[in-house]
Amino acid sequence: MYGSVFIQCKFKNTNLSGSFLAGADFRSVSAENVNFSGADVRSANFSGLMMPLGPVSFDSKRINFSNAKMEKALLQRACLEGANFQGATLQGAYANSLTRWPAGFDPKAAGITVY
């Protein structure tokens, strides 16, 4: 559903794979074990997305954006250290210096504008 609002919601063990969520507002959402694989989240706002920290390192499957359409997504201040972006389309997405990425992930090479 275009433009859905999920501000400050908590998603845990949630399967949103293949969902049409373009333009959705996920600001300050708490996400743990969420599957967005193949979802259309173009122009969605993930600013301030939080993933819970634990005593162990992040599992790359905590939030799955594999093959997701993420063009023009807003990722400022998002904690994405455990995210899986394999095959995701990220051209034109925006992030800032406070956005946290998975180890080895190069946002600029993925087409994300970092300011």
PDB file of N, CA and C in Angstrom:
ATOM      1  N   MET A   1       0.848  -1.163   0.000  1.00  0.00           N
ATOM      2  CA  MET A   1       0.000   0.000   0.000  1.00  0.00           C
ATOM      3  C   MET A   1       0.902   1.238   0.000  1.00  0.00           C
ATOM      4  N   TYR A   2       0.805   2.089  -0.996  1.00  0.00           N
ATOM      5  CA  TYR A   2       1.676   3.250  -1.119  1.00  0.00           C
ATOM      6  C   TYR A   2       1.419   4.236   0.020  1.00  0.00           C
ATOM      7  N   GLY A   3       2.527   4.649   0.631  1.00  0.00           N
ATOM      8  CA  GLY A   3       2.442   5.684   1.649  1.00  0.00           C
ATOM      9  C   GLY A   3       1.966   5.221   3.020  1.00  0.00           C
ATOM     10  N   SER A   4       1.993   3.931   3.273  1.00  0.00           N
ATOM     11  CA  SER A   4       1.583   3.435   4.596  1.00  0.00           C
ATOM     12  C   SER A   4       2.474   4.023   5.682  1.00  0.00           C
ATOM     13  N   VAL A   5       1.933   4.215   6.873  1.00  0.00           N
ATOM     14  CA  VAL A   5       2.670   4.829   7.977  1.00  0.00           C
ATOM     15  C   VAL A   5       2.854   3.805   9.095  1.00  0.00           C
ATOM     16  N   PHE A   6       4.145   3.588   9.467  1.00  0.00           N
ATOM     17  CA  PHE A   6       4.488   2.649  10.527  1.00  0.00           C
ATOM     18  C   PHE A   6       5.400   3.312  11.561  1.00  0.00           C
ATOM     19  N   ILE A   7       5.301   4.611  11.752  1.00  0.00           N
ATOM     20  CA  ILE A   7       6.205   5.364  12.617  1.00  0.00           C
ATOM     21  C   ILE A   7       6.222   4.757  14.020  1.00  0.00           C
ATOM     22  N   GLN A   8       7.428   4.484  14.510  1.00  0.00           N
ATOM     23  CA  GLN A   8       7.708   3.958  15.849  1.00  0.00           C
ATOM     24  C   GLN A   8       7.052   2.608  16.142  1.00  0.00           C
ATOM     25  N   CYS A   9       6.697   1.864  15.115  1.00  0.00           N
ATOM     26  CA  CYS A   9       6.160   0.516  15.329  1.00  0.00           C
ATOM     27  C   CYS A   9       7.298  -0.440  15.659  1.00  0.00           C
ATOM     28  N   LYS A  10       6.950  -1.589  16.204  1.00  0.00           N
ATOM     29  CA  LYS A  10       7.929  -2.626  16.501  1.00  0.00           C
ATOM     30  C   LYS A  10       7.599  -3.838  15.639  1.00  0.00           C
ATOM     31  N   PHE A  11       8.572  -4.228  14.814  1.00  0.00           N
ATOM     32  CA  PHE A  11       8.425  -5.407  13.974  1.00  0.00           C
ATOM     33  C   PHE A  11       9.384  -6.472  14.490  1.00  0.00           C
ATOM     34  N   LYS A  12       8.876  -7.636  14.838  1.00  0.00           N
ATOM     35  CA  LYS A  12       9.716  -8.738  15.292  1.00  0.00           C
ATOM     36  C   LYS A  12       9.220 -10.016  14.623  1.00  0.00           C
ATOM     37  N   ASN A  13      10.161 -10.750  14.005  1.00  0.00           N
ATOM     38  CA  ASN A  13       9.831 -11.992  13.300  1.00  0.00           C
ATOM     39  C   ASN A  13       8.691 -11.766  12.316  1.00  0.00           C
ATOM     40  N   THR A  14       8.877 -10.747  11.457  1.00  0.00           N
ATOM     41  CA  THR A  14       7.835 -10.313  10.528  1.00  0.00           C
ATOM     42  C   THR A  14       8.243 -10.601   9.092  1.00  0.00           C
ATOM     43  N   ASN A  15       7.356 -11.180   8.304  1.00  0.00           N
ATOM     44  CA  ASN A  15       7.628 -11.480   6.905  1.00  0.00           C
ATOM     45  C   ASN A  15       6.866 -10.498   6.014  1.00  0.00           C
ATOM     46  N   LEU A  16       7.613  -9.555   5.439  1.00  0.00           N
ATOM     47  CA  LEU A  16       7.036  -8.585   4.510  1.00  0.00           C
ATOM     48  C   LEU A  16       7.566  -8.826   3.093  1.00  0.00           C
ATOM     49  N   SER A  17       8.082 -10.021   2.838  1.00  0.00           N
ATOM     50  CA  SER A  17       8.670 -10.324   1.536  1.00  0.00           C
ATOM     51  C   SER A  17       7.626 -10.153   0.439  1.00  0.00           C
ATOM     52  N   GLY A  18       8.070  -9.531  -0.647  1.00  0.00           N
ATOM     53  CA  GLY A  18       7.199  -9.317  -1.793  1.00  0.00           C
ATOM     54  C   GLY A  18       6.133  -8.257  -1.612  1.00  0.00           C
ATOM     55  N   SER A  19       6.132  -7.580  -0.490  1.00  0.00           N
ATOM     56  CA  SER A  19       5.104  -6.559  -0.216  1.00  0.00           C
ATOM     57  C   SER A  19       5.324  -5.296  -1.034  1.00  0.00           C
ATOM     58  N   PHE A  20       4.244  -4.617  -1.372  1.00  0.00           N
ATOM     59  CA  PHE A  20       4.322  -3.308  -2.021  1.00  0.00           C
ATOM     60  C   PHE A  20       4.188  -2.255  -0.929  1.00  0.00           C
ATOM     61  N   LEU A  21       5.329  -1.657  -0.566  1.00  0.00           N
ATOM     62  CA  LEU A  21       5.361  -0.670   0.508  1.00  0.00           C
ATOM     63  C   LEU A  21       6.065   0.605   0.052  1.00  0.00           C
ATOM     64  N   ALA A  22       5.983   0.896  -1.241  1.00  0.00           N
ATOM     65  CA  ALA A  22       6.618   2.103  -1.779  1.00  0.00           C
ATOM     66  C   ALA A  22       6.055   3.328  -1.071  1.00  0.00           C
ATOM     67  N   GLY A  23       6.951   4.236  -0.695  1.00  0.00           N
ATOM     68  CA  GLY A  23       6.543   5.468  -0.046  1.00  0.00           C
ATOM     69  C   GLY A  23       6.150   5.306   1.411  1.00  0.00           C
ATOM     70  N   ALA A  24       6.306   4.102   1.961  1.00  0.00           N
ATOM     71  CA  ALA A  24       5.910   3.866   3.357  1.00  0.00           C
ATOM     72  C   ALA A  24       6.830   4.630   4.311  1.00  0.00           C
ATOM     73  N   ASP A  25       6.303   4.947   5.468  1.00  0.00           N
ATOM     74  CA  ASP A  25       7.053   5.696   6.480  1.00  0.00           C
ATOM     75  C   ASP A  25       7.377   4.761   7.636  1.00  0.00           C
ATOM     76  N   PHE A  26       8.657   4.350   7.703  1.00  0.00           N
ATOM     77  CA  PHE A  26       9.145   3.464   8.746  1.00  0.00           C
ATOM     78  C   PHE A  26      10.038   4.216   9.730  1.00  0.00           C
ATOM     79  N   ARG A  27       9.859   5.529   9.869  1.00  0.00           N
ATOM     80  CA  ARG A  27      10.731   6.313  10.755  1.00  0.00           C
ATOM     81  C   ARG A  27      10.714   5.771  12.172  1.00  0.00           C
ATOM     82  N   SER A  28      11.914   5.619  12.717  1.00  0.00           N
ATOM     83  CA  SER A  28      12.124   5.195  14.109  1.00  0.00           C
ATOM     84  C   SER A  28      11.453   3.865  14.438  1.00  0.00           C
ATOM     85  N   VAL A  29      11.343   2.999  13.452  1.00  0.00           N
ATOM     86  CA  VAL A  29      10.796   1.662  13.665  1.00  0.00           C
ATOM     87  C   VAL A  29      11.858   0.790  14.335  1.00  0.00           C
ATOM     88  N   SER A  30      11.439  -0.104  15.193  1.00  0.00           N
ATOM     89  CA  SER A  30      12.318  -1.102  15.781  1.00  0.00           C
ATOM     90  C   SER A  30      12.096  -2.394  15.005  1.00  0.00           C
ATOM     91  N   ALA A  31      13.192  -2.961  14.463  1.00  0.00           N
ATOM     92  CA  ALA A  31      13.057  -4.142  13.609  1.00  0.00           C
ATOM     93  C   ALA A  31      14.013  -5.240  14.048  1.00  0.00           C
ATOM     94  N   GLU A  32      13.461  -6.437  14.226  1.00  0.00           N
ATOM     95  CA  GLU A  32      14.273  -7.602  14.567  1.00  0.00           C
ATOM     96  C   GLU A  32      13.737  -8.796  13.795  1.00  0.00           C
ATOM     97  N   ASN A  33      14.620  -9.431  13.011  1.00  0.00           N
ATOM     98  CA  ASN A  33      14.238 -10.584  12.194  1.00  0.00           C
ATOM     99  C   ASN A  33      13.074 -10.241  11.263  1.00  0.00           C
ATOM    100  N   VAL A  34      13.271  -9.208  10.453  1.00  0.00           N
ATOM    101  CA  VAL A  34      12.248  -8.765   9.510  1.00  0.00           C
ATOM    102  C   VAL A  34      12.704  -9.091   8.095  1.00  0.00           C
ATOM    103  N   ASN A  35      11.811  -9.659   7.295  1.00  0.00           N
ATOM    104  CA  ASN A  35      12.136 -10.060   5.934  1.00  0.00           C
ATOM    105  C   ASN A  35      11.434  -9.142   4.936  1.00  0.00           C
ATOM    106  N   PHE A  36      12.240  -8.288   4.252  1.00  0.00           N
ATOM    107  CA  PHE A  36      11.739  -7.423   3.194  1.00  0.00           C
ATOM    108  C   PHE A  36      12.173  -7.957   1.823  1.00  0.00           C
ATOM    109  N   SER A  37      12.626  -9.211   1.735  1.00  0.00           N
ATOM    110  CA  SER A  37      13.175  -9.714   0.477  1.00  0.00           C
ATOM    111  C   SER A  37      12.148  -9.580  -0.643  1.00  0.00           C
ATOM    112  N   GLY A  38      12.601  -9.001  -1.756  1.00  0.00           N
ATOM    113  CA  GLY A  38      11.740  -8.809  -2.910  1.00  0.00           C
ATOM    114  C   GLY A  38      10.659  -7.771  -2.739  1.00  0.00           C
ATOM    115  N   ALA A  39      10.659  -7.068  -1.619  1.00  0.00           N
ATOM    116  CA  ALA A  39       9.631  -6.038  -1.391  1.00  0.00           C
ATOM    117  C   ALA A  39       9.929  -4.782  -2.196  1.00  0.00           C
ATOM    118  N   ASP A  40       8.901  -4.054  -2.552  1.00  0.00           N
ATOM    119  CA  ASP A  40       9.048  -2.771  -3.226  1.00  0.00           C
ATOM    120  C   ASP A  40       8.924  -1.689  -2.162  1.00  0.00           C
ATOM    121  N   VAL A  41      10.070  -1.152  -1.742  1.00  0.00           N
ATOM    122  CA  VAL A  41      10.092  -0.105  -0.724  1.00  0.00           C
ATOM    123  C   VAL A  41      10.715   1.171  -1.298  1.00  0.00           C
ATOM    124  N   ARG A  42      10.502   1.377  -2.604  1.00  0.00           N
ATOM    125  CA  ARG A  42      11.006   2.602  -3.240  1.00  0.00           C
ATOM    126  C   ARG A  42      10.423   3.830  -2.558  1.00  0.00           C
ATOM    127  N   SER A  43      11.285   4.810  -2.330  1.00  0.00           N
ATOM    128  CA  SER A  43      10.920   6.081  -1.700  1.00  0.00           C
ATOM    129  C   SER A  43      10.412   5.918  -0.269  1.00  0.00           C
ATOM    130  N   ALA A  44      10.625   4.765   0.337  1.00  0.00           N
ATOM    131  CA  ALA A  44      10.220   4.569   1.732  1.00  0.00           C
ATOM    132  C   ALA A  44      11.199   5.295   2.648  1.00  0.00           C
ATOM    133  N   ASN A  45      10.710   5.703   3.797  1.00  0.00           N
ATOM    134  CA  ASN A  45      11.533   6.429   4.755  1.00  0.00           C
ATOM    135  C   ASN A  45      11.889   5.494   5.915  1.00  0.00           C
ATOM    136  N   PHE A  46      13.177   5.088   5.975  1.00  0.00           N
ATOM    137  CA  PHE A  46      13.679   4.234   7.044  1.00  0.00           C
ATOM    138  C   PHE A  46      14.554   5.032   8.009  1.00  0.00           C
ATOM    139  N   SER A  47      14.450   6.345   8.014  1.00  0.00           N
ATOM    140  CA  SER A  47      15.280   7.183   8.882  1.00  0.00           C
ATOM    141  C   SER A  47      15.091   6.781  10.335  1.00  0.00           C
ATOM    142  N   GLY A  48      16.195   6.588  11.013  1.00  0.00           N
ATOM    143  CA  GLY A  48      16.138   6.243  12.421  1.00  0.00           C
ATOM    144  C   GLY A  48      15.755   4.805  12.708  1.00  0.00           C
ATOM    145  N   LEU A  49      15.749   3.937  11.682  1.00  0.00           N
ATOM    146  CA  LEU A  49      15.430   2.524  11.887  1.00  0.00           C
ATOM    147  C   LEU A  49      16.365   1.945  12.935  1.00  0.00           C
ATOM    148  N   MET A  50      15.822   1.229  13.889  1.00  0.00           N
ATOM    149  CA  MET A  50      16.635   0.662  14.973  1.00  0.00           C
ATOM    150  C   MET A  50      16.573  -0.849  14.935  1.00  0.00           C
ATOM    151  N   MET A  51      17.744  -1.457  15.128  1.00  0.00           N
ATOM    152  CA  MET A  51      17.829  -2.900  15.276  1.00  0.00           C
ATOM    153  C   MET A  51      18.402  -3.163  16.650  1.00  0.00           C
ATOM    154  N   PRO A  52      17.816  -4.056  17.417  1.00  0.00           N
ATOM    155  CA  PRO A  52      18.269  -4.269  18.796  1.00  0.00           C
ATOM    156  C   PRO A  52      19.701  -4.770  18.864  1.00  0.00           C
ATOM    157  N   LEU A  53      20.446  -4.210  19.809  1.00  0.00           N
ATOM    158  CA  LEU A  53      21.807  -4.650  20.051  1.00  0.00           C
ATOM    159  C   LEU A  53      21.786  -5.772  21.069  1.00  0.00           C
ATOM    160  N   GLY A  54      22.654  -6.705  20.906  1.00  0.00           N
ATOM    161  CA  GLY A  54      22.739  -7.802  21.857  1.00  0.00           C
ATOM    162  C   GLY A  54      24.187  -8.082  22.188  1.00  0.00           C
ATOM    163  N   PRO A  55      24.424  -9.063  23.036  1.00  0.00           N
ATOM    164  CA  PRO A  55      25.791  -9.375  23.426  1.00  0.00           C
ATOM    165  C   PRO A  55      26.593 -10.038  22.327  1.00  0.00           C
ATOM    166  N   VAL A  56      25.923 -10.512  21.277  1.00  0.00           N
ATOM    167  CA  VAL A  56      26.642 -11.143  20.173  1.00  0.00           C
ATOM    168  C   VAL A  56      26.582 -10.239  18.960  1.00  0.00           C
ATOM    169  N   SER A  57      27.439 -10.513  17.991  1.00  0.00           N
ATOM    170  CA  SER A  57      27.454  -9.689  16.787  1.00  0.00           C
ATOM    171  C   SER A  57      26.170  -9.892  15.989  1.00  0.00           C
ATOM    172  N   PHE A  58      25.879  -8.937  15.130  1.00  0.00           N
ATOM    173  CA  PHE A  58      24.655  -9.001  14.329  1.00  0.00           C
ATOM    174  C   PHE A  58      24.667 -10.189  13.385  1.00  0.00           C
ATOM    175  N   ASP A  59      23.546 -10.820  13.237  1.00  0.00           N
ATOM    176  CA  ASP A  59      23.320 -11.873  12.271  1.00  0.00           C
ATOM    177  C   ASP A  59      22.815 -11.186  11.000  1.00  0.00           C
ATOM    178  N   SER A  60      23.408 -11.509   9.866  1.00  0.00           N
ATOM    179  CA  SER A  60      23.042 -10.822   8.623  1.00  0.00           C
ATOM    180  C   SER A  60      21.589 -11.063   8.231  1.00  0.00           C
ATOM    181  N   LYS A  61      20.910 -11.981   8.884  1.00  0.00           N
ATOM    182  CA  LYS A  61      19.518 -12.256   8.546  1.00  0.00           C
ATOM    183  C   LYS A  61      18.550 -11.515   9.452  1.00  0.00           C
ATOM    184  N   ARG A  62      19.034 -10.649  10.317  1.00  0.00           N
ATOM    185  CA  ARG A  62      18.120  -9.927  11.217  1.00  0.00           C
ATOM    186  C   ARG A  62      17.134  -9.079  10.437  1.00  0.00           C
ATOM    187  N   ILE A  63      17.600  -8.424   9.389  1.00  0.00           N
ATOM    188  CA  ILE A  63      16.689  -7.683   8.517  1.00  0.00           C
ATOM    189  C   ILE A  63      17.137  -7.951   7.087  1.00  0.00           C
ATOM    190  N   ASN A  64      16.241  -8.447   6.287  1.00  0.00           N
ATOM    191  CA  ASN A  64      16.577  -8.933   4.960  1.00  0.00           C
ATOM    192  C   ASN A  64      15.964  -8.039   3.887  1.00  0.00           C
ATOM    193  N   PHE A  65      16.837  -7.296   3.193  1.00  0.00           N
ATOM    194  CA  PHE A  65      16.412  -6.464   2.066  1.00  0.00           C
ATOM    195  C   PHE A  65      16.846  -7.095   0.742  1.00  0.00           C
ATOM    196  N   SER A  66      17.167  -8.385   0.730  1.00  0.00           N
ATOM    197  CA  SER A  66      17.657  -9.003  -0.500  1.00  0.00           C
ATOM    198  C   SER A  66      16.639  -8.855  -1.624  1.00  0.00           C
ATOM    199  N   ASN A  67      17.138  -8.432  -2.770  1.00  0.00           N
ATOM    200  CA  ASN A  67      16.322  -8.228  -3.978  1.00  0.00           C
ATOM    201  C   ASN A  67      15.200  -7.213  -3.801  1.00  0.00           C
ATOM    202  N   ALA A  68      15.267  -6.392  -2.757  1.00  0.00           N
ATOM    203  CA  ALA A  68      14.246  -5.358  -2.554  1.00  0.00           C
ATOM    204  C   ALA A  68      14.508  -4.171  -3.472  1.00  0.00           C
ATOM    205  N   LYS A  69      13.461  -3.518  -3.884  1.00  0.00           N
ATOM    206  CA  LYS A  69      13.557  -2.293  -4.684  1.00  0.00           C
ATOM    207  C   LYS A  69      13.576  -1.132  -3.709  1.00  0.00           C
ATOM    208  N   MET A  70      14.746  -0.501  -3.557  1.00  0.00           N
ATOM    209  CA  MET A  70      14.905   0.529  -2.529  1.00  0.00           C
ATOM    210  C   MET A  70      15.311   1.877  -3.113  1.00  0.00           C
ATOM    211  N   GLU A  71      15.060   2.095  -4.399  1.00  0.00           N
ATOM    212  CA  GLU A  71      15.413   3.368  -5.004  1.00  0.00           C
ATOM    213  C   GLU A  71      14.773   4.517  -4.227  1.00  0.00           C
ATOM    214  N   LYS A  72      15.561   5.546  -3.971  1.00  0.00           N
ATOM    215  CA  LYS A  72      15.129   6.779  -3.298  1.00  0.00           C
ATOM    216  C   LYS A  72      14.690   6.559  -1.857  1.00  0.00           C
ATOM    217  N   ALA A  73      15.030   5.415  -1.261  1.00  0.00           N
ATOM    218  CA  ALA A  73      14.707   5.192   0.150  1.00  0.00           C
ATOM    219  C   ALA A  73      15.543   6.132   1.008  1.00  0.00           C
ATOM    220  N   LEU A  74      14.986   6.564   2.118  1.00  0.00           N
ATOM    221  CA  LEU A  74      15.689   7.445   3.054  1.00  0.00           C
ATOM    222  C   LEU A  74      16.218   6.582   4.195  1.00  0.00           C
ATOM    223  N   LEU A  75      17.539   6.596   4.373  1.00  0.00           N
ATOM    224  CA  LEU A  75      18.183   5.722   5.341  1.00  0.00           C
ATOM    225  C   LEU A  75      19.001   6.491   6.371  1.00  0.00           C
ATOM    226  N   GLN A  76      18.729   7.777   6.540  1.00  0.00           N
ATOM    227  CA  GLN A  76      19.485   8.591   7.482  1.00  0.00           C
ATOM    228  C   GLN A  76      19.326   8.053   8.901  1.00  0.00           C
ATOM    229  N   ARG A  77      20.450   7.996   9.638  1.00  0.00           N
ATOM    230  CA  ARG A  77      20.484   7.587  11.043  1.00  0.00           C
ATOM    231  C   ARG A  77      19.971   6.157  11.264  1.00  0.00           C
ATOM    232  N   ALA A  78      19.844   5.372  10.215  1.00  0.00           N
ATOM    233  CA  ALA A  78      19.346   4.003  10.366  1.00  0.00           C
ATOM    234  C   ALA A  78      20.472   3.076  10.818  1.00  0.00           C
ATOM    235  N   CYS A  79      20.141   2.166  11.701  1.00  0.00           N
ATOM    236  CA  CYS A  79      21.082   1.144  12.156  1.00  0.00           C
ATOM    237  C   CYS A  79      20.858  -0.080  11.284  1.00  0.00           C
ATOM    238  N   LEU A  80      21.748  -0.297  10.325  1.00  0.00           N
ATOM    239  CA  LEU A  80      21.587  -1.378   9.355  1.00  0.00           C
ATOM    240  C   LEU A  80      22.739  -2.369   9.426  1.00  0.00           C
ATOM    241  N   GLU A  81      23.413  -2.438  10.573  1.00  0.00           N
ATOM    242  CA  GLU A  81      24.609  -3.272  10.700  1.00  0.00           C
ATOM    243  C   GLU A  81      24.355  -4.748  10.407  1.00  0.00           C
ATOM    244  N   GLY A  82      23.179  -5.240  10.663  1.00  0.00           N
ATOM    245  CA  GLY A  82      22.887  -6.641  10.419  1.00  0.00           C
ATOM    246  C   GLY A  82      22.023  -6.878   9.205  1.00  0.00           C
ATOM    247  N   ALA A  83      21.915  -5.886   8.340  1.00  0.00           N
ATOM    248  CA  ALA A  83      21.030  -6.001   7.177  1.00  0.00           C
ATOM    249  C   ALA A  83      21.683  -6.774   6.036  1.00  0.00           C
ATOM    250  N   ASN A  84      20.858  -7.446   5.256  1.00  0.00           N
ATOM    251  CA  ASN A  84      21.293  -8.155   4.056  1.00  0.00           C
ATOM    252  C   ASN A  84      20.752  -7.385   2.854  1.00  0.00           C
ATOM    253  N   PHE A  85      21.667  -6.807   2.063  1.00  0.00           N
ATOM    254  CA  PHE A  85      21.276  -6.035   0.882  1.00  0.00           C
ATOM    255  C   PHE A  85      21.573  -6.776  -0.417  1.00  0.00           C
ATOM    256  N   GLN A  86      21.837  -8.064  -0.362  1.00  0.00           N
ATOM    257  CA  GLN A  86      22.214  -8.813  -1.556  1.00  0.00           C
ATOM    258  C   GLN A  86      21.137  -8.693  -2.638  1.00  0.00           C
ATOM    259  N   GLY A  87      21.532  -8.161  -3.792  1.00  0.00           N
ATOM    260  CA  GLY A  87      20.616  -8.019  -4.920  1.00  0.00           C
ATOM    261  C   GLY A  87      19.639  -6.862  -4.810  1.00  0.00           C
ATOM    262  N   ALA A  88      19.713  -6.082  -3.730  1.00  0.00           N
ATOM    263  CA  ALA A  88      18.800  -4.939  -3.566  1.00  0.00           C
ATOM    264  C   ALA A  88      19.179  -3.819  -4.528  1.00  0.00           C
ATOM    265  N   THR A  89      18.190  -3.090  -5.000  1.00  0.00           N
ATOM    266  CA  THR A  89      18.395  -1.939  -5.865  1.00  0.00           C
ATOM    267  C   THR A  89      18.347  -0.698  -4.997  1.00  0.00           C
ATOM    268  N   LEU A  90      19.503  -0.014  -4.858  1.00  0.00           N
ATOM    269  CA  LEU A  90      19.619   1.102  -3.917  1.00  0.00           C
ATOM    270  C   LEU A  90      19.946   2.434  -4.588  1.00  0.00           C
ATOM    271  N   GLN A  91      19.989   2.482  -5.907  1.00  0.00           N
ATOM    272  CA  GLN A  91      20.332   3.717  -6.595  1.00  0.00           C
ATOM    273  C   GLN A  91      19.393   4.845  -6.186  1.00  0.00           C
ATOM    274  N   GLY A  92      20.002   5.986  -5.848  1.00  0.00           N
ATOM    275  CA  GLY A  92      19.204   7.155  -5.508  1.00  0.00           C
ATOM    276  C   GLY A  92      18.731   7.182  -4.066  1.00  0.00           C
ATOM    277  N   ALA A  93      19.080   6.161  -3.280  1.00  0.00           N
ATOM    278  CA  ALA A  93      18.728   6.181  -1.850  1.00  0.00           C
ATOM    279  C   ALA A  93      19.630   7.192  -1.150  1.00  0.00           C
ATOM    280  N   TYR A  94      19.198   7.681   0.009  1.00  0.00           N
ATOM    281  CA  TYR A  94      19.944   8.694   0.757  1.00  0.00           C
ATOM    282  C   TYR A  94      20.265   8.193   2.155  1.00  0.00           C
ATOM    283  N   ALA A  95      21.480   8.507   2.600  1.00  0.00           N
ATOM    284  CA  ALA A  95      21.923   8.184   3.953  1.00  0.00           C
ATOM    285  C   ALA A  95      22.811   9.322   4.432  1.00  0.00           C
ATOM    286  N   ASN A  96      23.131   9.316   5.717  1.00  0.00           N
ATOM    287  CA  ASN A  96      24.067  10.322   6.216  1.00  0.00           C
ATOM    288  C   ASN A  96      25.174   9.638   6.996  1.00  0.00           C
ATOM    289  N   SER A  97      26.051  10.432   7.585  1.00  0.00           N
ATOM    290  CA  SER A  97      27.209   9.883   8.281  1.00  0.00           C
ATOM    291  C   SER A  97      26.818   9.107   9.540  1.00  0.00           C
ATOM    292  N   LEU A  98      25.595   9.239   9.999  1.00  0.00           N
ATOM    293  CA  LEU A  98      25.138   8.521  11.188  1.00  0.00           C
ATOM    294  C   LEU A  98      24.531   7.155  10.859  1.00  0.00           C
ATOM    295  N   THR A  99      24.344   6.868   9.583  1.00  0.00           N
ATOM    296  CA  THR A  99      23.811   5.573   9.170  1.00  0.00           C
ATOM    297  C   THR A  99      24.879   4.511   9.414  1.00  0.00           C
ATOM    298  N   ARG A 100      24.493   3.401  10.024  1.00  0.00           N
ATOM    299  CA  ARG A 100      25.439   2.319  10.301  1.00  0.00           C
ATOM    300  C   ARG A 100      25.159   1.160   9.350  1.00  0.00           C
ATOM    301  N   TRP A 101      26.249   0.673   8.716  1.00  0.00           N
ATOM    302  CA  TRP A 101      26.154  -0.324   7.643  1.00  0.00           C
ATOM    303  C   TRP A 101      26.724  -1.663   8.071  1.00  0.00           C
ATOM    304  N   PRO A 102      26.365  -2.725   7.341  1.00  0.00           N
ATOM    305  CA  PRO A 102      26.993  -4.028   7.592  1.00  0.00           C
ATOM    306  C   PRO A 102      28.497  -3.945   7.282  1.00  0.00           C
ATOM    307  N   ALA A 103      29.290  -4.743   7.967  1.00  0.00           N
ATOM    308  CA  ALA A 103      30.731  -4.775   7.716  1.00  0.00           C
ATOM    309  C   ALA A 103      30.997  -5.076   6.248  1.00  0.00           C
ATOM    310  N   GLY A 104      31.855  -4.274   5.636  1.00  0.00           N
ATOM    311  CA  GLY A 104      32.235  -4.482   4.244  1.00  0.00           C
ATOM    312  C   GLY A 104      31.290  -3.896   3.216  1.00  0.00           C
ATOM    313  N   PHE A 105      30.164  -3.365   3.639  1.00  0.00           N
ATOM    314  CA  PHE A 105      29.195  -2.789   2.696  1.00  0.00           C
ATOM    315  C   PHE A 105      29.635  -1.387   2.315  1.00  0.00           C
ATOM    316  N   ASP A 106      29.653  -1.104   1.015  1.00  0.00           N
ATOM    317  CA  ASP A 106      30.043   0.211   0.512  1.00  0.00           C
ATOM    318  C   ASP A 106      28.804   0.914  -0.031  1.00  0.00           C
ATOM    319  N   PRO A 107      28.216   1.823   0.737  1.00  0.00           N
ATOM    320  CA  PRO A 107      26.969   2.474   0.290  1.00  0.00           C
ATOM    321  C   PRO A 107      27.140   3.269  -1.011  1.00  0.00           C
ATOM    322  N   LYS A 108      28.274   3.921  -1.188  1.00  0.00           N
ATOM    323  CA  LYS A 108      28.470   4.703  -2.404  1.00  0.00           C
ATOM    324  C   LYS A 108      28.531   3.799  -3.624  1.00  0.00           C
ATOM    325  N   ALA A 109      29.201   2.654  -3.504  1.00  0.00           N
ATOM    326  CA  ALA A 109      29.264   1.707  -4.614  1.00  0.00           C
ATOM    327  C   ALA A 109      27.883   1.140  -4.943  1.00  0.00           C
ATOM    328  N   ALA A 110      27.010   1.112  -3.944  1.00  0.00           N
ATOM    329  CA  ALA A 110      25.646   0.612  -4.143  1.00  0.00           C
ATOM    330  C   ALA A 110      24.725   1.672  -4.739  1.00  0.00           C
ATOM    331  N   GLY A 111      25.247   2.898  -4.929  1.00  0.00           N
ATOM    332  CA  GLY A 111      24.444   3.960  -5.529  1.00  0.00           C
ATOM    333  C   GLY A 111      23.729   4.840  -4.519  1.00  0.00           C
ATOM    334  N   ILE A 112      24.099   4.724  -3.245  1.00  0.00           N
ATOM    335  CA  ILE A 112      23.463   5.527  -2.194  1.00  0.00           C
ATOM    336  C   ILE A 112      24.214   6.842  -2.056  1.00  0.00           C
ATOM    337  N   THR A 113      23.483   7.926  -1.996  1.00  0.00           N
ATOM    338  CA  THR A 113      24.072   9.249  -1.752  1.00  0.00           C
ATOM    339  C   THR A 113      24.230   9.424  -0.257  1.00  0.00           C
ATOM    340  N   VAL A 114      25.481   9.596   0.184  1.00  0.00           N
ATOM    341  CA  VAL A 114      25.769   9.794   1.608  1.00  0.00           C
ATOM    342  C   VAL A 114      26.217  11.238   1.797  1.00  0.00           C
ATOM    343  N   TYR A 115      25.582  11.937   2.675  1.00  0.00           N
ATOM    344  CA  TYR A 115      25.945  13.342   2.935  1.00  0.00           C
ATOM    345  C   TYR A 115      26.283  13.568   4.367  1.00  0.00           C
TER     346      TYR A 115
END
